[in-house]
Amino acid sequence: MRPRLATAMLATAMLAAGIAAAPCDAADPVPYNEIVESIRTLAADHLGVKATDVNTVSSLFAQGLNEKTFDALVVAVQQEFGVVLDPQQLSEAKWNDKTRAMSIRRLADMVERQLRPR
């Protein structure tokens, strides 16, 4: 299966299963540093290390995630914050062999954009 198709299918299945909840109340937004720390803790769980051992700006792939654990982390992040992250952006980050530059802060930016009203 092609990577982009698999990621799109995952997002569609999550929506169909009702996994993604409505974003949090705009009157009570989640502070950015709390988003980062929550994702850091989730990533640490998937890597099997302490949260303090996970760098928030380095590539998650360079820190030990593979495609399957990255997908599991994305599902956990989406469930934690009640968002559906853009499958195109996730696919590009996951399959770009040149950089694989998906970091915790980049994931946090994606979450924050969905939680903040425009």
N, C-alpha and C. Protein backbone atom coordinates (compact mmCIF):
# COMPACT_ATOMS: atom_id res chain seq x y z
N MET A 1 0.84 -1.17 0.00
CA MET A 1 0.00 0.00 0.00
C MET A 1 0.89 1.24 0.00
N ARG A 2 0.51 2.24 -0.76
CA ARG A 2 1.29 3.48 -0.81
C ARG A 2 1.17 4.23 0.50
N PRO A 3 2.25 4.89 0.95
CA PRO A 3 2.26 5.58 2.25
C PRO A 3 1.16 6.63 2.38
N ARG A 4 0.97 7.45 1.37
CA ARG A 4 -0.04 8.50 1.47
C ARG A 4 -1.43 7.92 1.59
N LEU A 5 -1.68 6.85 0.85
CA LEU A 5 -2.98 6.20 0.92
C LEU A 5 -3.19 5.60 2.30
N ALA A 6 -2.17 4.96 2.84
CA ALA A 6 -2.28 4.36 4.18
C ALA A 6 -2.57 5.42 5.23
N THR A 7 -1.90 6.55 5.17
CA THR A 7 -2.11 7.62 6.14
C THR A 7 -3.51 8.20 5.99
N ALA A 8 -3.95 8.40 4.76
CA ALA A 8 -5.30 8.93 4.52
C ALA A 8 -6.35 7.94 5.00
N MET A 9 -6.10 6.65 4.78
CA MET A 9 -7.04 5.63 5.24
C MET A 9 -7.11 5.61 6.76
N LEU A 10 -5.98 5.80 7.42
CA LEU A 10 -5.95 5.84 8.88
C LEU A 10 -6.79 7.00 9.40
N ALA A 11 -6.62 8.17 8.82
CA ALA A 11 -7.39 9.34 9.25
C ALA A 11 -8.88 9.13 9.01
N THR A 12 -9.24 8.56 7.86
CA THR A 12 -10.64 8.30 7.54
C THR A 12 -11.23 7.28 8.52
N ALA A 13 -10.49 6.23 8.82
CA ALA A 13 -10.97 5.22 9.76
C ALA A 13 -11.16 5.81 11.15
N MET A 14 -10.25 6.69 11.55
CA MET A 14 -10.38 7.32 12.86
C MET A 14 -11.64 8.18 12.94
N LEU A 15 -11.88 8.95 11.88
CA LEU A 15 -13.08 9.77 11.86
C LEU A 15 -14.33 8.90 11.90
N ALA A 16 -14.35 7.83 11.12
CA ALA A 16 -15.50 6.94 11.06
C ALA A 16 -15.74 6.27 12.41
N ALA A 17 -14.67 5.97 13.12
CA ALA A 17 -14.80 5.31 14.42
C ALA A 17 -15.13 6.29 15.55
N GLY A 18 -15.15 7.58 15.23
CA GLY A 18 -15.46 8.57 16.25
C GLY A 18 -14.34 8.81 17.23
N ILE A 19 -13.11 8.51 16.81
CA ILE A 19 -11.97 8.68 17.72
C ILE A 19 -11.69 10.15 17.97
N ALA A 20 -11.81 10.97 16.96
CA ALA A 20 -11.50 12.39 17.11
C ALA A 20 -12.69 13.11 17.75
N ALA A 21 -12.43 13.76 18.84
CA ALA A 21 -13.46 14.54 19.51
C ALA A 21 -13.38 15.98 19.04
N ALA A 22 -14.33 16.77 19.47
CA ALA A 22 -14.31 18.19 19.12
C ALA A 22 -13.14 18.86 19.80
N PRO A 23 -12.54 19.87 19.17
CA PRO A 23 -11.44 20.59 19.81
C PRO A 23 -11.87 21.20 21.14
N CYS A 24 -10.90 21.49 21.98
CA CYS A 24 -11.21 22.05 23.29
C CYS A 24 -11.87 23.41 23.18
N ASP A 25 -12.49 23.84 24.24
CA ASP A 25 -13.17 25.13 24.28
C ASP A 25 -12.17 26.25 24.04
N ALA A 26 -12.47 27.11 23.09
CA ALA A 26 -11.55 28.19 22.73
C ALA A 26 -11.32 29.15 23.90
N ALA A 27 -12.26 29.21 24.84
CA ALA A 27 -12.11 30.09 25.98
C ALA A 27 -11.06 29.55 26.96
N ASP A 28 -10.75 28.29 26.86
CA ASP A 28 -9.80 27.66 27.76
C ASP A 28 -8.76 26.87 26.96
N PRO A 29 -7.94 27.58 26.16
CA PRO A 29 -6.98 26.87 25.30
C PRO A 29 -5.87 26.20 26.10
N VAL A 30 -5.36 25.13 25.53
CA VAL A 30 -4.25 24.40 26.15
C VAL A 30 -2.97 25.18 25.85
N PRO A 31 -2.19 25.53 26.89
CA PRO A 31 -0.93 26.23 26.64
C PRO A 31 0.02 25.39 25.79
N TYR A 32 0.77 26.06 24.92
CA TYR A 32 1.66 25.38 23.99
C TYR A 32 2.64 24.46 24.71
N ASN A 33 3.21 24.93 25.83
CA ASN A 33 4.19 24.10 26.54
C ASN A 33 3.56 22.82 27.09
N GLU A 34 2.26 22.86 27.41
CA GLU A 34 1.58 21.65 27.86
C GLU A 34 1.35 20.69 26.70
N ILE A 35 1.09 21.23 25.51
CA ILE A 35 0.95 20.38 24.32
C ILE A 35 2.27 19.66 24.07
N VAL A 36 3.37 20.42 24.11
CA VAL A 36 4.70 19.84 23.87
C VAL A 36 5.00 18.75 24.89
N GLU A 37 4.76 19.02 26.15
CA GLU A 37 5.08 18.04 27.20
C GLU A 37 4.20 16.81 27.11
N SER A 38 2.94 16.98 26.75
CA SER A 38 2.06 15.81 26.58
C SER A 38 2.54 14.93 25.44
N ILE A 39 2.91 15.56 24.32
CA ILE A 39 3.40 14.79 23.17
C ILE A 39 4.74 14.14 23.52
N ARG A 40 5.55 14.85 24.27
CA ARG A 40 6.85 14.29 24.69
C ARG A 40 6.65 13.05 25.54
N THR A 41 5.69 13.08 26.44
CA THR A 41 5.39 11.93 27.29
C THR A 41 4.87 10.77 26.46
N LEU A 42 3.97 11.07 25.51
CA LEU A 42 3.45 10.01 24.63
C LEU A 42 4.58 9.40 23.80
N ALA A 43 5.45 10.25 23.27
CA ALA A 43 6.58 9.75 22.46
C ALA A 43 7.49 8.87 23.31
N ALA A 44 7.74 9.30 24.54
CA ALA A 44 8.59 8.51 25.44
C ALA A 44 7.99 7.13 25.68
N ASP A 45 6.66 7.08 25.85
CA ASP A 45 5.99 5.79 26.04
C ASP A 45 6.20 4.88 24.83
N HIS A 46 6.11 5.46 23.63
CA HIS A 46 6.28 4.67 22.41
C HIS A 46 7.75 4.28 22.17
N LEU A 47 8.66 5.07 22.70
CA LEU A 47 10.08 4.76 22.56
C LEU A 47 10.60 3.88 23.69
N GLY A 48 9.83 3.79 24.77
CA GLY A 48 10.27 3.00 25.92
C GLY A 48 11.36 3.66 26.73
N VAL A 49 11.33 5.00 26.78
CA VAL A 49 12.32 5.76 27.54
C VAL A 49 11.62 6.77 28.44
N LYS A 50 12.41 7.45 29.28
CA LYS A 50 11.86 8.52 30.12
C LYS A 50 11.61 9.75 29.25
N ALA A 51 10.60 10.53 29.61
CA ALA A 51 10.27 11.74 28.84
C ALA A 51 11.46 12.69 28.77
N THR A 52 12.26 12.75 29.81
CA THR A 52 13.41 13.65 29.81
C THR A 52 14.48 13.23 28.81
N ASP A 53 14.40 11.99 28.33
CA ASP A 53 15.36 11.51 27.34
C ASP A 53 14.94 11.82 25.91
N VAL A 54 13.76 12.39 25.73
CA VAL A 54 13.25 12.68 24.39
C VAL A 54 13.47 14.16 24.08
N ASN A 55 14.15 14.41 22.98
CA ASN A 55 14.43 15.78 22.53
C ASN A 55 13.22 16.29 21.77
N THR A 56 12.78 17.51 22.07
CA THR A 56 11.56 18.03 21.44
C THR A 56 11.80 18.66 20.08
N VAL A 57 13.05 18.91 19.71
CA VAL A 57 13.31 19.56 18.41
C VAL A 57 13.99 18.63 17.40
N SER A 58 14.50 17.51 17.85
CA SER A 58 15.14 16.56 16.94
C SER A 58 14.09 15.66 16.29
N SER A 59 14.44 15.10 15.16
CA SER A 59 13.56 14.18 14.46
C SER A 59 13.18 13.01 15.36
N LEU A 60 11.89 12.69 15.38
CA LEU A 60 11.44 11.53 16.14
C LEU A 60 12.01 10.24 15.56
N PHE A 61 12.23 10.23 14.25
CA PHE A 61 12.78 9.04 13.62
C PHE A 61 14.24 8.84 14.02
N ALA A 62 14.97 9.94 14.16
CA ALA A 62 16.37 9.85 14.59
C ALA A 62 16.46 9.39 16.04
N GLN A 63 15.37 9.58 16.80
CA GLN A 63 15.36 9.17 18.20
C GLN A 63 14.85 7.74 18.40
N GLY A 64 14.49 7.08 17.30
CA GLY A 64 14.15 5.67 17.41
C GLY A 64 12.77 5.26 16.94
N LEU A 65 11.90 6.21 16.60
CA LEU A 65 10.60 5.80 16.08
C LEU A 65 10.76 5.23 14.67
N ASN A 66 9.90 4.28 14.33
CA ASN A 66 9.82 3.79 12.96
C ASN A 66 8.42 4.13 12.44
N GLU A 67 8.09 3.69 11.25
CA GLU A 67 6.81 4.05 10.66
C GLU A 67 5.63 3.59 11.52
N LYS A 68 5.70 2.37 12.05
CA LYS A 68 4.59 1.84 12.84
C LYS A 68 4.44 2.57 14.17
N THR A 69 5.57 2.82 14.85
CA THR A 69 5.46 3.51 16.13
C THR A 69 5.08 4.97 15.92
N PHE A 70 5.47 5.55 14.78
CA PHE A 70 5.06 6.92 14.47
C PHE A 70 3.54 6.97 14.28
N ASP A 71 2.99 6.02 13.53
CA ASP A 71 1.54 5.96 13.33
C ASP A 71 0.82 5.82 14.67
N ALA A 72 1.34 4.96 15.55
CA ALA A 72 0.73 4.77 16.87
C ALA A 72 0.81 6.06 17.69
N LEU A 73 1.92 6.78 17.60
CA LEU A 73 2.06 8.05 18.30
C LEU A 73 1.05 9.07 17.78
N VAL A 74 0.89 9.13 16.46
CA VAL A 74 -0.07 10.07 15.87
C VAL A 74 -1.48 9.78 16.38
N VAL A 75 -1.86 8.51 16.41
CA VAL A 75 -3.19 8.14 16.92
C VAL A 75 -3.33 8.58 18.38
N ALA A 76 -2.31 8.35 19.18
CA ALA A 76 -2.35 8.74 20.59
C ALA A 76 -2.47 10.25 20.75
N VAL A 77 -1.73 11.01 19.94
CA VAL A 77 -1.79 12.48 19.98
C VAL A 77 -3.19 12.95 19.59
N GLN A 78 -3.73 12.38 18.53
CA GLN A 78 -5.07 12.78 18.08
C GLN A 78 -6.12 12.48 19.14
N GLN A 79 -6.00 11.35 19.81
CA GLN A 79 -6.94 11.01 20.87
C GLN A 79 -6.77 11.93 22.08
N GLU A 80 -5.52 12.22 22.42
CA GLU A 80 -5.24 13.08 23.58
C GLU A 80 -5.84 14.47 23.42
N PHE A 81 -5.75 15.03 22.22
CA PHE A 81 -6.17 16.41 22.02
C PHE A 81 -7.48 16.55 21.25
N GLY A 82 -8.05 15.45 20.79
CA GLY A 82 -9.31 15.52 20.07
C GLY A 82 -9.21 16.23 18.73
N VAL A 83 -8.13 15.96 18.03
CA VAL A 83 -7.91 16.57 16.72
C VAL A 83 -7.63 15.49 15.69
N VAL A 84 -7.71 15.86 14.42
CA VAL A 84 -7.29 14.98 13.33
C VAL A 84 -6.21 15.74 12.59
N LEU A 85 -4.99 15.24 12.67
CA LEU A 85 -3.86 15.91 12.03
C LEU A 85 -3.89 15.67 10.53
N ASP A 86 -3.39 16.62 9.79
CA ASP A 86 -3.42 16.59 8.33
C ASP A 86 -2.63 15.38 7.81
N PRO A 87 -3.31 14.43 7.17
CA PRO A 87 -2.62 13.24 6.66
C PRO A 87 -1.52 13.56 5.65
N GLN A 88 -1.71 14.61 4.86
CA GLN A 88 -0.70 14.99 3.86
C GLN A 88 0.59 15.43 4.55
N GLN A 89 0.47 16.28 5.57
CA GLN A 89 1.66 16.73 6.29
C GLN A 89 2.35 15.58 7.01
N LEU A 90 1.56 14.70 7.60
CA LEU A 90 2.14 13.55 8.30
C LEU A 90 2.86 12.63 7.33
N SER A 91 2.24 12.40 6.19
CA SER A 91 2.83 11.52 5.19
C SER A 91 4.14 12.10 4.67
N GLU A 92 4.14 13.39 4.39
CA GLU A 92 5.36 14.03 3.90
C GLU A 92 6.48 13.92 4.91
N ALA A 93 6.15 14.12 6.18
CA ALA A 93 7.18 14.03 7.22
C ALA A 93 7.66 12.60 7.41
N LYS A 94 6.73 11.67 7.33
CA LYS A 94 7.07 10.27 7.58
C LYS A 94 7.89 9.66 6.46
N TRP A 95 7.61 10.05 5.24
CA TRP A 95 8.23 9.37 4.10
C TRP A 95 9.30 10.18 3.40
N ASN A 96 9.62 11.36 3.91
CA ASN A 96 10.67 12.16 3.30
C ASN A 96 12.02 11.64 3.80
N ASP A 97 12.63 10.76 3.04
CA ASP A 97 13.88 10.13 3.46
C ASP A 97 15.03 11.12 3.60
N LYS A 98 14.90 12.28 2.97
CA LYS A 98 15.98 13.26 3.03
C LYS A 98 16.12 13.84 4.44
N THR A 99 15.01 14.17 5.09
CA THR A 99 15.10 14.83 6.39
C THR A 99 14.40 14.07 7.52
N ARG A 100 13.27 13.48 7.24
CA ARG A 100 12.44 12.86 8.28
C ARG A 100 12.37 13.80 9.49
N ALA A 101 12.01 15.02 9.23
CA ALA A 101 12.14 16.09 10.21
C ALA A 101 10.94 16.25 11.14
N MET A 102 10.12 15.22 11.31
CA MET A 102 8.98 15.36 12.21
C MET A 102 9.48 15.30 13.65
N SER A 103 9.36 16.43 14.34
CA SER A 103 9.77 16.53 15.73
C SER A 103 8.54 16.69 16.61
N ILE A 104 8.74 16.63 17.90
CA ILE A 104 7.65 16.85 18.84
C ILE A 104 7.09 18.26 18.68
N ARG A 105 7.98 19.22 18.52
CA ARG A 105 7.50 20.60 18.37
C ARG A 105 6.70 20.79 17.08
N ARG A 106 7.09 20.10 16.02
CA ARG A 106 6.33 20.19 14.77
C ARG A 106 4.95 19.57 14.95
N LEU A 107 4.87 18.44 15.64
CA LEU A 107 3.56 17.86 15.95
C LEU A 107 2.74 18.80 16.83
N ALA A 108 3.40 19.41 17.81
CA ALA A 108 2.71 20.36 18.70
C ALA A 108 2.18 21.55 17.91
N ASP A 109 2.93 22.02 16.94
CA ASP A 109 2.46 23.13 16.09
C ASP A 109 1.19 22.72 15.34
N MET A 110 1.18 21.50 14.82
CA MET A 110 0.02 21.00 14.09
C MET A 110 -1.20 20.91 15.01
N VAL A 111 -0.99 20.43 16.22
CA VAL A 111 -2.09 20.33 17.20
C VAL A 111 -2.58 21.72 17.57
N GLU A 112 -1.65 22.62 17.85
CA GLU A 112 -2.04 23.96 18.28
C GLU A 112 -2.86 24.68 17.22
N ARG A 113 -2.49 24.53 15.96
CA ARG A 113 -3.25 25.17 14.87
C ARG A 113 -4.70 24.71 14.88
N GLN A 114 -4.95 23.48 15.24
CA GLN A 114 -6.33 22.98 15.26
C GLN A 114 -7.08 23.40 16.52
N LEU A 115 -6.37 23.61 17.59
CA LEU A 115 -7.01 23.98 18.85
C LEU A 115 -7.31 25.48 18.93
N ARG A 116 -6.59 26.28 18.19
CA ARG A 116 -6.76 27.73 18.25
C ARG A 116 -7.74 28.20 17.18
N PRO A 117 -8.71 29.02 17.57
CA PRO A 117 -9.63 29.54 16.55
C PRO A 117 -8.93 30.56 15.66
N ARG A 118 -9.37 30.63 14.44
CA ARG A 118 -8.81 31.60 13.49
C ARG A 118 -9.55 32.90 13.58
